[in-house]
């Protein structure tokens, strides 16, 4: 079983990926937040920084592209090949209204004939491995049967399925019935993504579906960065990729968390200009990560109120000093 870190816009940047990879049990693959190819220039400066090889050393990174134009996808993939990327991923899952209204992300699923033509063009033009991350439809789960027939015509590296329709966004339970049908009918390796928040969730999924070769961990792993190792049964106090199980799991987890936070915060201070931008990124970070702590509410309020790095540091130090790292397995996003 392989484990992937899902792309999360604004969170899983190269700063985050490197800090995570250094501190916790490494993922088998890391997917970038989606990149938007453009005709006049392949990527923005921010996107380019995220994919520079020197910013991703030692990580298996898969750039994700968001477009419904084959020429733009091909051009972007060729640029990525020059950077050394042998695999790219097509985003067919983003549910944002501004994205789907343009027929991109999950919105592309509502145009199966255009999607088929798009795939024909990119697979006939590129030698790179191409994987797809898709929802099961725009409005109706029954849409996925026809979509899967299209996917099966092409030599996908992998099909990552988030078994919700666009209208679900991230609410409503994943449709495991449709996922099971897709797993049986797919001509490709299938990766599962969606609502994995605990080891029990993972074990339930593994018991129900024997043919899964990989899982993609998203919000659950962002809130609880030990989720990967918990799923495979390693001790909670595992000290990272080069370490040993820690003495005193609670203390070790807090030490790891502090190290992780310091790496992320320092990383953003080095590339962003001004405290305001750094604070914005770190407050976004805590909107997920705070839930790994006991009684985190009052501390998060202070973190959000902070208008300087000094005030932010005091609020974070209080959280680390006065609360414990917990694993309740359920989160509120």
C-alpha atoms as a PDB file:
ATOM      1  CA  UNK A   1       0.000   0.000   0.000  1.00  0.00           C
ATOM      2  CA  UNK A   2       1.289   3.416  -0.984  1.00  0.00           C
ATOM      3  CA  UNK A   3       0.412   6.685   0.714  1.00  0.00           C
ATOM      4  CA  UNK A   4       0.149  10.042  -1.023  1.00  0.00           C
ATOM      5  CA  UNK A   5      -0.291  13.553   0.350  1.00  0.00           C
ATOM      6  CA  UNK A   6      -3.202  15.281  -1.355  1.00  0.00           C
ATOM      7  CA  UNK A   7      -2.811  18.753  -2.822  1.00  0.00           C
ATOM      8  CA  UNK A   8      -4.442  21.468  -0.724  1.00  0.00           C
ATOM      9  CA  UNK A   9      -4.437  24.961  -2.147  1.00  0.00           C
ATOM     10  CA  UNK A  10      -2.476  27.414   0.004  1.00  0.00           C
ATOM     11  CA  UNK A  11      -1.282  24.705   2.415  1.00  0.00           C
ATOM     12  CA  UNK A  12       0.799  21.948   0.812  1.00  0.00           C
ATOM     13  CA  UNK A  13       3.382  24.218  -0.818  1.00  0.00           C
ATOM     14  CA  UNK A  14       7.017  23.193  -1.129  1.00  0.00           C
ATOM     15  CA  UNK A  15       7.672  24.833   2.241  1.00  0.00           C
ATOM     16  CA  UNK A  16       5.084  22.568   3.850  1.00  0.00           C
ATOM     17  CA  UNK A  17       6.107  19.450   1.884  1.00  0.00           C
ATOM     18  CA  UNK A  18       9.764  19.736   2.834  1.00  0.00           C
ATOM     19  CA  UNK A  19       8.979  20.356   6.494  1.00  0.00           C
ATOM     20  CA  UNK A  20       6.592  17.409   6.548  1.00  0.00           C
ATOM     21  CA  UNK A  21       9.045  15.092   4.775  1.00  0.00           C
ATOM     22  CA  UNK A  22      11.814  16.032   7.207  1.00  0.00           C
ATOM     23  CA  UNK A  23       9.742  15.683  10.367  1.00  0.00           C
ATOM     24  CA  UNK A  24       7.278  12.859   9.842  1.00  0.00           C
ATOM     25  CA  UNK A  25       7.141   9.498   8.110  1.00  0.00           C
ATOM     26  CA  UNK A  26       7.569  10.438   4.435  1.00  0.00           C
ATOM     27  CA  UNK A  27       4.804   9.940   1.911  1.00  0.00           C
ATOM     28  CA  UNK A  28       5.387   7.890  -1.240  1.00  0.00           C
ATOM     29  CA  UNK A  29       4.197  10.812  -3.369  1.00  0.00           C
ATOM     30  CA  UNK A  30       3.403  14.475  -2.832  1.00  0.00           C
ATOM     31  CA  UNK A  31       0.989  16.195  -5.224  1.00  0.00           C
ATOM     32  CA  UNK A  32       1.331  19.928  -5.740  1.00  0.00           C
ATOM     33  CA  UNK A  33      -1.607  22.294  -5.406  1.00  0.00           C
ATOM     34  CA  UNK A  34      -2.968  22.728  -8.916  1.00  0.00           C
ATOM     35  CA  UNK A  35      -0.965  24.706 -11.440  1.00  0.00           C
ATOM     36  CA  UNK A  36      -2.862  26.682 -14.079  1.00  0.00           C
ATOM     37  CA  UNK A  37      -1.152  26.556 -17.510  1.00  0.00           C
ATOM     38  CA  UNK A  38      -1.263  29.726 -19.571  1.00  0.00           C
ATOM     39  CA  UNK A  39      -0.600  30.236 -23.258  1.00  0.00           C
ATOM     40  CA  UNK A  40       1.801  33.169 -22.969  1.00  0.00           C
ATOM     41  CA  UNK A  41       3.681  31.821 -19.949  1.00  0.00           C
ATOM     42  CA  UNK A  42       3.543  28.343 -18.524  1.00  0.00           C
ATOM     43  CA  UNK A  43       3.318  29.206 -14.834  1.00  0.00           C
ATOM     44  CA  UNK A  44       3.241  32.152 -12.480  1.00  0.00           C
ATOM     45  CA  UNK A  45       6.363  32.922 -10.447  1.00  0.00           C
ATOM     46  CA  UNK A  46       4.680  31.440  -7.356  1.00  0.00           C
ATOM     47  CA  UNK A  47       3.843  28.232  -9.203  1.00  0.00           C
ATOM     48  CA  UNK A  48       7.333  28.024 -10.673  1.00  0.00           C
ATOM     49  CA  UNK A  49       8.889  28.310  -7.222  1.00  0.00           C
ATOM     50  CA  UNK A  50       6.726  25.440  -6.044  1.00  0.00           C
ATOM     51  CA  UNK A  51       7.992  23.072  -8.720  1.00  0.00           C
ATOM     52  CA  UNK A  52      11.677  24.057  -8.930  1.00  0.00           C
ATOM     53  CA  UNK A  53      13.732  20.867  -8.481  1.00  0.00           C
ATOM     54  CA  UNK A  54      15.957  22.557  -5.895  1.00  0.00           C
ATOM     55  CA  UNK A  55      12.869  23.193  -3.779  1.00  0.00           C
ATOM     56  CA  UNK A  56      11.799  19.536  -3.860  1.00  0.00           C
ATOM     57  CA  UNK A  57      14.994  17.559  -3.413  1.00  0.00           C
ATOM     58  CA  UNK A  58      14.512  14.024  -2.133  1.00  0.00           C
ATOM     59  CA  UNK A  59      10.714  14.108  -2.572  1.00  0.00           C
ATOM     60  CA  UNK A  60       8.633  12.263  -5.163  1.00  0.00           C
ATOM     61  CA  UNK A  61       6.559  15.210  -6.328  1.00  0.00           C
ATOM     62  CA  UNK A  62       3.786  15.045  -8.921  1.00  0.00           C
ATOM     63  CA  UNK A  63       2.707  18.422 -10.346  1.00  0.00           C
ATOM     64  CA  UNK A  64      -1.041  18.732 -10.789  1.00  0.00           C
ATOM     65  CA  UNK A  65      -2.440  20.687 -13.748  1.00  0.00           C
ATOM     66  CA  UNK A  66      -5.843  22.378 -13.935  1.00  0.00           C
ATOM     67  CA  UNK A  67      -7.004  23.074 -17.483  1.00  0.00           C
ATOM     68  CA  UNK A  68      -9.459  21.940 -20.138  1.00  0.00           C
ATOM     69  CA  UNK A  69      -7.259  22.971 -23.055  1.00  0.00           C
ATOM     70  CA  UNK A  70      -5.096  20.157 -24.418  1.00  0.00           C
ATOM     71  CA  UNK A  71      -2.503  22.518 -25.928  1.00  0.00           C
ATOM     72  CA  UNK A  72      -2.006  24.249 -22.582  1.00  0.00           C
ATOM     73  CA  UNK A  73      -1.686  20.927 -20.775  1.00  0.00           C
ATOM     74  CA  UNK A  74       0.849  19.652 -23.315  1.00  0.00           C
ATOM     75  CA  UNK A  75       2.928  22.819 -23.172  1.00  0.00           C
ATOM     76  CA  UNK A  76       2.948  22.818 -19.373  1.00  0.00           C
ATOM     77  CA  UNK A  77       3.817  19.118 -19.209  1.00  0.00           C
ATOM     78  CA  UNK A  78       6.735  19.694 -21.574  1.00  0.00           C
ATOM     79  CA  UNK A  79       8.049  22.470 -19.336  1.00  0.00           C
ATOM     80  CA  UNK A  80       7.699  20.147 -16.359  1.00  0.00           C
ATOM     81  CA  UNK A  81       9.606  17.459 -18.265  1.00  0.00           C
ATOM     82  CA  UNK A  82      12.476  19.936 -18.666  1.00  0.00           C
ATOM     83  CA  UNK A  83      12.495  20.257 -14.889  1.00  0.00           C
ATOM     84  CA  UNK A  84      12.772  16.481 -14.618  1.00  0.00           C
ATOM     85  CA  UNK A  85       9.176  15.553 -13.807  1.00  0.00           C
ATOM     86  CA  UNK A  86       8.268  12.184 -15.295  1.00  0.00           C
ATOM     87  CA  UNK A  87       4.659  12.201 -14.071  1.00  0.00           C
ATOM     88  CA  UNK A  88       1.941  14.849 -14.160  1.00  0.00           C
ATOM     89  CA  UNK A  89      -1.587  14.755 -12.791  1.00  0.00           C
ATOM     90  CA  UNK A  90      -4.819  16.112 -14.283  1.00  0.00           C
ATOM     91  CA  UNK A  91      -7.215  17.762 -11.836  1.00  0.00           C
ATOM     92  CA  UNK A  92     -10.791  16.658 -12.501  1.00  0.00           C
ATOM     93  CA  UNK A  93     -11.929  17.176  -8.935  1.00  0.00           C
ATOM     94  CA  UNK A  94     -11.784  20.816  -7.868  1.00  0.00           C
ATOM     95  CA  UNK A  95     -15.376  21.801  -6.910  1.00  0.00           C
ATOM     96  CA  UNK A  96     -14.851  25.577  -6.721  1.00  0.00           C
ATOM     97  CA  UNK A  97     -17.565  27.510  -8.508  1.00  0.00           C
ATOM     98  CA  UNK A  98     -15.084  29.793 -10.255  1.00  0.00           C
ATOM     99  CA  UNK A  99     -13.295  26.697 -11.599  1.00  0.00           C
ATOM    100  CA  UNK A 100     -16.266  24.544 -12.588  1.00  0.00           C
ATOM    101  CA  UNK A 101     -18.039  27.464 -14.300  1.00  0.00           C
ATOM    102  CA  UNK A 102     -15.156  27.469 -16.789  1.00  0.00           C
ATOM    103  CA  UNK A 103     -15.476  23.743 -17.397  1.00  0.00           C
ATOM    104  CA  UNK A 104     -12.322  22.930 -15.449  1.00  0.00           C
ATOM    105  CA  UNK A 105     -11.730  20.640 -12.488  1.00  0.00           C
ATOM    106  CA  UNK A 106     -14.911  18.754 -11.653  1.00  0.00           C
ATOM    107  CA  UNK A 107     -16.665  20.926 -14.245  1.00  0.00           C
ATOM    108  CA  UNK A 108     -14.814  19.089 -17.032  1.00  0.00           C
ATOM    109  CA  UNK A 109     -16.630  15.883 -16.020  1.00  0.00           C
ATOM    110  CA  UNK A 110     -19.877  17.400 -17.310  1.00  0.00           C
ATOM    111  CA  UNK A 111     -18.375  17.540 -20.827  1.00  0.00           C
ATOM    112  CA  UNK A 112     -17.462  13.904 -21.538  1.00  0.00           C
ATOM    113  CA  UNK A 113     -17.052  14.281 -25.302  1.00  0.00           C
ATOM    114  CA  UNK A 114     -14.669  17.220 -24.850  1.00  0.00           C
ATOM    115  CA  UNK A 115     -12.832  15.338 -22.098  1.00  0.00           C
ATOM    116  CA  UNK A 116     -12.387  12.331 -24.379  1.00  0.00           C
ATOM    117  CA  UNK A 117     -10.922  14.524 -27.123  1.00  0.00           C
ATOM    118  CA  UNK A 118      -8.686  16.261 -24.581  1.00  0.00           C
ATOM    119  CA  UNK A 119      -7.277  12.941 -23.368  1.00  0.00           C
ATOM    120  CA  UNK A 120      -6.761  11.733 -26.928  1.00  0.00           C
ATOM    121  CA  UNK A 121      -4.661  14.813 -27.684  1.00  0.00           C
ATOM    122  CA  UNK A 122      -2.496  14.772 -24.580  1.00  0.00           C
ATOM    123  CA  UNK A 123      -1.786  11.042 -24.646  1.00  0.00           C
ATOM    124  CA  UNK A 124      -0.870  11.160 -28.334  1.00  0.00           C
ATOM    125  CA  UNK A 125       1.534  14.062 -27.723  1.00  0.00           C
ATOM    126  CA  UNK A 126       3.286  13.249 -24.449  1.00  0.00           C
ATOM    127  CA  UNK A 127       5.565  10.466 -23.241  1.00  0.00           C
ATOM    128  CA  UNK A 128       5.300  11.386 -19.568  1.00  0.00           C
ATOM    129  CA  UNK A 129       3.209   9.298 -17.217  1.00  0.00           C
ATOM    130  CA  UNK A 130      -0.197  10.901 -16.712  1.00  0.00           C
ATOM    131  CA  UNK A 131      -2.476  10.231 -13.764  1.00  0.00           C
ATOM    132  CA  UNK A 132      -5.936  11.617 -13.081  1.00  0.00           C
ATOM    133  CA  UNK A 133      -7.560  12.739  -9.841  1.00  0.00           C
ATOM    134  CA  UNK A 134     -11.319  12.827 -10.340  1.00  0.00           C
ATOM    135  CA  UNK A 135     -14.634  13.073  -8.590  1.00  0.00           C
ATOM    136  CA  UNK A 136     -17.398  10.706  -9.681  1.00  0.00           C
ATOM    137  CA  UNK A 137     -19.455  13.346 -11.461  1.00  0.00           C
ATOM    138  CA  UNK A 138     -20.885  16.840 -11.326  1.00  0.00           C
ATOM    139  CA  UNK A 139     -24.363  16.167  -9.986  1.00  0.00           C
ATOM    140  CA  UNK A 140     -25.132  12.446 -10.135  1.00  0.00           C
ATOM    141  CA  UNK A 141     -22.879   9.524  -9.104  1.00  0.00           C
ATOM    142  CA  UNK A 142     -24.254   7.558 -12.066  1.00  0.00           C
ATOM    143  CA  UNK A 143     -22.224   9.841 -14.329  1.00  0.00           C
ATOM    144  CA  UNK A 144     -19.071   7.956 -13.410  1.00  0.00           C
ATOM    145  CA  UNK A 145     -19.872   4.811 -15.384  1.00  0.00           C
ATOM    146  CA  UNK A 146     -19.565   6.646 -18.704  1.00  0.00           C
ATOM    147  CA  UNK A 147     -16.554   8.606 -17.476  1.00  0.00           C
ATOM    148  CA  UNK A 148     -14.753   5.425 -16.451  1.00  0.00           C
ATOM    149  CA  UNK A 149     -15.246   3.989 -19.936  1.00  0.00           C
ATOM    150  CA  UNK A 150     -13.447   7.050 -21.289  1.00  0.00           C
ATOM    151  CA  UNK A 151     -10.604   6.739 -18.774  1.00  0.00           C
ATOM    152  CA  UNK A 152     -10.196   3.050 -19.590  1.00  0.00           C
ATOM    153  CA  UNK A 153      -9.344   3.885 -23.192  1.00  0.00           C
ATOM    154  CA  UNK A 154      -6.108   5.633 -22.215  1.00  0.00           C
ATOM    155  CA  UNK A 155      -2.872   4.409 -20.569  1.00  0.00           C
ATOM    156  CA  UNK A 156      -3.256   6.230 -17.276  1.00  0.00           C
ATOM    157  CA  UNK A 157      -0.489   5.843 -14.736  1.00  0.00           C
ATOM    158  CA  UNK A 158      -3.123   5.808 -12.016  1.00  0.00           C
ATOM    159  CA  UNK A 159      -6.716   6.831 -11.358  1.00  0.00           C
ATOM    160  CA  UNK A 160      -7.239   8.647  -8.067  1.00  0.00           C
ATOM    161  CA  UNK A 161     -10.927   8.641  -7.169  1.00  0.00           C
ATOM    162  CA  UNK A 162     -12.584  10.997  -4.717  1.00  0.00           C
ATOM    163  CA  UNK A 163     -16.030   9.363  -4.546  1.00  0.00           C
ATOM    164  CA  UNK A 164     -18.137  12.487  -4.234  1.00  0.00           C
ATOM    165  CA  UNK A 165     -19.867  14.533  -6.911  1.00  0.00           C
ATOM    166  CA  UNK A 166     -19.095  18.208  -7.284  1.00  0.00           C
ATOM    167  CA  UNK A 167     -22.376  19.164  -5.593  1.00  0.00           C
ATOM    168  CA  UNK A 168     -21.186  17.403  -2.419  1.00  0.00           C
ATOM    169  CA  UNK A 169     -18.097  19.608  -2.145  1.00  0.00           C
ATOM    170  CA  UNK A 170     -16.580  18.044   1.004  1.00  0.00           C
ATOM    171  CA  UNK A 171     -19.881  17.289   2.716  1.00  0.00           C
ATOM    172  CA  UNK A 172     -21.900  14.070   2.643  1.00  0.00           C
ATOM    173  CA  UNK A 173     -20.240  10.662   3.017  1.00  0.00           C
ATOM    174  CA  UNK A 174     -18.102   9.384   0.140  1.00  0.00           C
ATOM    175  CA  UNK A 175     -20.082   7.100  -2.178  1.00  0.00           C
ATOM    176  CA  UNK A 176     -18.351   3.792  -1.484  1.00  0.00           C
ATOM    177  CA  UNK A 177     -20.766   1.834  -3.640  1.00  0.00           C
ATOM    178  CA  UNK A 178     -19.749   3.741  -6.759  1.00  0.00           C
ATOM    179  CA  UNK A 179     -16.108   3.542  -5.717  1.00  0.00           C
ATOM    180  CA  UNK A 180     -16.376  -0.245  -5.421  1.00  0.00           C
ATOM    181  CA  UNK A 181     -17.910  -0.469  -8.888  1.00  0.00           C
ATOM    182  CA  UNK A 182     -15.141   1.730 -10.265  1.00  0.00           C
ATOM    183  CA  UNK A 183     -12.498  -0.390  -8.584  1.00  0.00           C
ATOM    184  CA  UNK A 184     -13.884  -3.514 -10.243  1.00  0.00           C
ATOM    185  CA  UNK A 185     -14.279  -1.942 -13.686  1.00  0.00           C
ATOM    186  CA  UNK A 186     -11.179   0.216 -13.901  1.00  0.00           C
ATOM    187  CA  UNK A 187      -8.440  -0.843 -16.295  1.00  0.00           C
ATOM    188  CA  UNK A 188      -5.908   1.025 -14.158  1.00  0.00           C
ATOM    189  CA  UNK A 189      -4.439   1.068 -10.696  1.00  0.00           C
ATOM    190  CA  UNK A 190      -6.877   2.860  -8.404  1.00  0.00           C
ATOM    191  CA  UNK A 191      -6.072   5.148  -5.474  1.00  0.00           C
ATOM    192  CA  UNK A 192      -8.743   6.099  -2.926  1.00  0.00           C
ATOM    193  CA  UNK A 193      -9.132   9.646  -1.591  1.00  0.00           C
ATOM    194  CA  UNK A 194     -11.716  10.995   0.834  1.00  0.00           C
ATOM    195  CA  UNK A 195     -12.582  11.158   4.555  1.00  0.00           C
ATOM    196  CA  UNK A 196      -9.657   9.168   5.943  1.00  0.00           C
ATOM    197  CA  UNK A 197      -9.183  10.683   9.387  1.00  0.00           C
ATOM    198  CA  UNK A 198      -8.010   7.755  11.529  1.00  0.00           C
ATOM    199  CA  UNK A 199      -6.408   4.330  11.452  1.00  0.00           C
ATOM    200  CA  UNK A 200      -9.884   2.849  11.899  1.00  0.00           C
ATOM    201  CA  UNK A 201     -11.096   4.640   8.780  1.00  0.00           C
ATOM    202  CA  UNK A 202      -8.147   3.199   6.861  1.00  0.00           C
ATOM    203  CA  UNK A 203      -8.667  -0.322   8.188  1.00  0.00           C
ATOM    204  CA  UNK A 204     -12.379  -0.200   7.337  1.00  0.00           C
ATOM    205  CA  UNK A 205     -11.549   0.871   3.806  1.00  0.00           C
ATOM    206  CA  UNK A 206      -8.861  -1.778   3.413  1.00  0.00           C
ATOM    207  CA  UNK A 207     -11.178  -4.499   4.703  1.00  0.00           C
ATOM    208  CA  UNK A 208     -13.975  -3.507   2.323  1.00  0.00           C
ATOM    209  CA  UNK A 209     -11.838  -3.030  -0.799  1.00  0.00           C
ATOM    210  CA  UNK A 210      -9.052  -5.509  -1.429  1.00  0.00           C
ATOM    211  CA  UNK A 211      -7.915  -4.075  -4.763  1.00  0.00           C
ATOM    212  CA  UNK A 212      -6.747  -0.651  -3.609  1.00  0.00           C
ATOM    213  CA  UNK A 213      -3.053  -0.073  -4.275  1.00  0.00           C
ATOM    214  CA  UNK A 214      -2.774   3.400  -2.748  1.00  0.00           C
ATOM    215  CA  UNK A 215      -4.594   5.947  -0.620  1.00  0.00           C
ATOM    216  CA  UNK A 216      -4.341   9.704  -0.759  1.00  0.00           C
ATOM    217  CA  UNK A 217      -4.513  11.436   2.601  1.00  0.00           C
ATOM    218  CA  UNK A 218      -5.819  14.984   2.602  1.00  0.00           C
ATOM    219  CA  UNK A 219      -7.424  17.015   5.375  1.00  0.00           C
ATOM    220  CA  UNK A 220      -6.974  14.174   7.868  1.00  0.00           C
ATOM    221  CA  UNK A 221      -3.195  14.157   7.390  1.00  0.00           C
ATOM    222  CA  UNK A 222      -2.998  17.950   7.471  1.00  0.00           C
ATOM    223  CA  UNK A 223      -4.766  18.039  10.834  1.00  0.00           C
ATOM    224  CA  UNK A 224      -2.953  14.951  12.124  1.00  0.00           C
ATOM    225  CA  UNK A 225       0.457  14.615  10.440  1.00  0.00           C
ATOM    226  CA  UNK A 226       1.006  11.241  12.160  1.00  0.00           C
ATOM    227  CA  UNK A 227      -1.923   9.697  10.278  1.00  0.00           C
ATOM    228  CA  UNK A 228       0.289   7.933   7.732  1.00  0.00           C
ATOM    229  CA  UNK A 229       2.321   6.105  10.353  1.00  0.00           C
ATOM    230  CA  UNK A 230      -0.760   5.328  12.409  1.00  0.00           C
ATOM    231  CA  UNK A 231      -2.384   3.704   9.387  1.00  0.00           C
ATOM    232  CA  UNK A 232       0.541   1.318   8.947  1.00  0.00           C
ATOM    233  CA  UNK A 233       0.812   0.611  12.663  1.00  0.00           C
ATOM    234  CA  UNK A 234       3.980   2.470  13.660  1.00  0.00           C
ATOM    235  CA  UNK A 235       4.176   3.844  17.215  1.00  0.00           C
ATOM    236  CA  UNK A 236       2.743   7.310  17.752  1.00  0.00           C
ATOM    237  CA  UNK A 237       6.092   8.608  18.943  1.00  0.00           C
ATOM    238  CA  UNK A 238       7.952   7.644  15.792  1.00  0.00           C
ATOM    239  CA  UNK A 239      10.753  10.164  15.420  1.00  0.00           C
ATOM    240  CA  UNK A 240      10.703  10.695  11.679  1.00  0.00           C
ATOM    241  CA  UNK A 241      12.338   9.122   8.682  1.00  0.00           C
ATOM    242  CA  UNK A 242      15.749   8.576  10.336  1.00  0.00           C
ATOM    243  CA  UNK A 243      14.617   8.156  13.927  1.00  0.00           C
ATOM    244  CA  UNK A 244      13.415   5.488  16.317  1.00  0.00           C
ATOM    245  CA  UNK A 245      10.222   5.202  18.378  1.00  0.00           C
ATOM    246  CA  UNK A 246      10.419   7.957  20.974  1.00  0.00           C
ATOM    247  CA  UNK A 247      10.456   7.577  24.731  1.00  0.00           C
ATOM    248  CA  UNK A 248       7.152   9.009  25.849  1.00  0.00           C
ATOM    249  CA  UNK A 249       4.918   9.293  22.826  1.00  0.00           C
ATOM    250  CA  UNK A 250       3.140  12.468  23.954  1.00  0.00           C
ATOM    251  CA  UNK A 251       6.379  14.394  24.528  1.00  0.00           C
ATOM    252  CA  UNK A 252       7.847  13.120  21.285  1.00  0.00           C
ATOM    253  CA  UNK A 253       4.768  14.117  19.295  1.00  0.00           C
ATOM    254  CA  UNK A 254       4.837  17.613  20.747  1.00  0.00           C
ATOM    255  CA  UNK A 255       8.564  17.912  19.979  1.00  0.00           C
ATOM    256  CA  UNK A 256       7.937  16.846  16.403  1.00  0.00           C
ATOM    257  CA  UNK A 257       5.069  19.291  16.070  1.00  0.00           C
ATOM    258  CA  UNK A 258       7.192  22.154  17.364  1.00  0.00           C
ATOM    259  CA  UNK A 259       9.980  21.255  14.956  1.00  0.00           C
ATOM    260  CA  UNK A 260       7.529  21.030  12.070  1.00  0.00           C
ATOM    261  CA  UNK A 261       5.928  24.366  12.905  1.00  0.00           C
ATOM    262  CA  UNK A 262       9.329  26.051  13.216  1.00  0.00           C
ATOM    263  CA  UNK A 263      10.412  24.774   9.804  1.00  0.00           C
ATOM    264  CA  UNK A 264       7.207  25.960   8.128  1.00  0.00           C
ATOM    265  CA  UNK A 265       7.242  29.365   9.821  1.00  0.00           C
ATOM    266  CA  UNK A 266      10.928  29.962   9.116  1.00  0.00           C
ATOM    267  CA  UNK A 267      10.475  28.835   5.533  1.00  0.00           C
ATOM    268  CA  UNK A 268       7.771  31.402   4.898  1.00  0.00           C
ATOM    269  CA  UNK A 269       9.737  34.138   6.608  1.00  0.00           C
ATOM    270  CA  UNK A 270      12.586  33.476   4.183  1.00  0.00           C
ATOM    271  CA  UNK A 271      10.481  33.786   1.013  1.00  0.00           C
ATOM    272  CA  UNK A 272       7.710  36.239   1.895  1.00  0.00           C
ATOM    273  CA  UNK A 273       8.120  39.974   2.311  1.00  0.00           C
ATOM    274  CA  UNK A 274       6.621  41.429   5.441  1.00  0.00           C
ATOM    275  CA  UNK A 275       5.060  39.995   8.583  1.00  0.00           C
ATOM    276  CA  UNK A 276       1.546  40.332   7.231  1.00  0.00           C
ATOM    277  CA  UNK A 277       2.087  37.755   4.486  1.00  0.00           C
ATOM    278  CA  UNK A 278       3.773  35.326   6.867  1.00  0.00           C
ATOM    279  CA  UNK A 279       0.988  35.696   9.415  1.00  0.00           C
ATOM    280  CA  UNK A 280      -1.613  35.023   6.726  1.00  0.00           C
ATOM    281  CA  UNK A 281       0.086  31.751   5.783  1.00  0.00           C
ATOM    282  CA  UNK A 282       0.565  30.619   9.361  1.00  0.00           C
ATOM    283  CA  UNK A 283      -2.997  31.409  10.392  1.00  0.00           C
ATOM    284  CA  UNK A 284      -4.141  29.283   7.456  1.00  0.00           C
ATOM    285  CA  UNK A 285      -1.811  26.540   8.713  1.00  0.00           C
ATOM    286  CA  UNK A 286      -3.422  26.595  12.167  1.00  0.00           C
ATOM    287  CA  UNK A 287      -6.955  26.431  10.764  1.00  0.00           C
ATOM    288  CA  UNK A 288      -6.196  22.736  10.217  1.00  0.00           C
ATOM    289  CA  UNK A 289      -3.409  21.886  12.618  1.00  0.00           C
ATOM    290  CA  UNK A 290      -4.913  23.331  15.801  1.00  0.00           C
ATOM    291  CA  UNK A 291      -7.299  20.405  16.012  1.00  0.00           C
ATOM    292  CA  UNK A 292      -4.414  18.145  16.972  1.00  0.00           C
ATOM    293  CA  UNK A 293      -4.370  19.893  20.387  1.00  0.00           C
ATOM    294  CA  UNK A 294      -6.551  19.673  23.451  1.00  0.00           C
ATOM    295  CA  UNK A 295      -8.705  22.737  24.251  1.00  0.00           C
ATOM    296  CA  UNK A 296      -7.297  24.599  21.270  1.00  0.00           C
ATOM    297  CA  UNK A 297     -10.151  27.103  20.863  1.00  0.00           C
ATOM    298  CA  UNK A 298      -8.930  30.021  23.031  1.00  0.00           C
ATOM    299  CA  UNK A 299      -5.394  29.721  21.656  1.00  0.00           C
ATOM    300  CA  UNK A 300      -6.539  29.781  18.046  1.00  0.00           C
ATOM    301  CA  UNK A 301      -8.469  32.969  18.778  1.00  0.00           C
ATOM    302  CA  UNK A 302      -5.245  34.566  20.002  1.00  0.00           C
ATOM    303  CA  UNK A 303      -3.337  33.280  16.992  1.00  0.00           C
ATOM    304  CA  UNK A 304      -5.944  34.760  14.642  1.00  0.00           C
ATOM    305  CA  UNK A 305      -5.884  38.095  16.510  1.00  0.00           C
ATOM    306  CA  UNK A 306      -2.098  38.403  16.291  1.00  0.00           C
ATOM    307  CA  UNK A 307      -0.974  41.321  14.142  1.00  0.00           C
ATOM    308  CA  UNK A 308       2.771  40.793  14.564  1.00  0.00           C
ATOM    309  CA  UNK A 309       5.084  37.787  14.528  1.00  0.00           C
ATOM    310  CA  UNK A 310       5.970  38.534  18.129  1.00  0.00           C
ATOM    311  CA  UNK A 311       2.339  38.332  19.226  1.00  0.00           C
ATOM    312  CA  UNK A 312       1.832  35.270  17.065  1.00  0.00           C
ATOM    313  CA  UNK A 313       4.839  33.594  18.673  1.00  0.00           C
ATOM    314  CA  UNK A 314       3.484  34.202  22.173  1.00  0.00           C
ATOM    315  CA  UNK A 315       0.126  32.651  21.261  1.00  0.00           C
ATOM    316  CA  UNK A 316       1.750  29.600  19.673  1.00  0.00           C
ATOM    317  CA  UNK A 317       4.156  29.140  22.591  1.00  0.00           C
ATOM    318  CA  UNK A 318       1.205  29.214  24.992  1.00  0.00           C
ATOM    319  CA  UNK A 319      -0.566  26.500  22.985  1.00  0.00           C
ATOM    320  CA  UNK A 320       2.524  24.280  22.940  1.00  0.00           C
ATOM    321  CA  UNK A 321       3.253  24.916  26.614  1.00  0.00           C
ATOM    322  CA  UNK A 322      -0.234  24.527  28.072  1.00  0.00           C
ATOM    323  CA  UNK A 323      -2.003  21.947  25.876  1.00  0.00           C
ATOM    324  CA  UNK A 324      -1.314  18.403  24.727  1.00  0.00           C
ATOM    325  CA  UNK A 325      -1.185  16.839  21.297  1.00  0.00           C
ATOM    326  CA  UNK A 326      -4.137  14.493  20.956  1.00  0.00           C
ATOM    327  CA  UNK A 327      -5.576  12.193  18.310  1.00  0.00           C
ATOM    328  CA  UNK A 328      -9.338  12.139  18.392  1.00  0.00           C
ATOM    329  CA  UNK A 329      -9.669  10.933  14.803  1.00  0.00           C
ATOM    330  CA  UNK A 330     -12.403  13.359  13.824  1.00  0.00           C
ATOM    331  CA  UNK A 331     -11.979  16.918  12.692  1.00  0.00           C
ATOM    332  CA  UNK A 332     -14.113  19.902  11.813  1.00  0.00           C
ATOM    333  CA  UNK A 333     -13.194  21.781   8.638  1.00  0.00           C
END
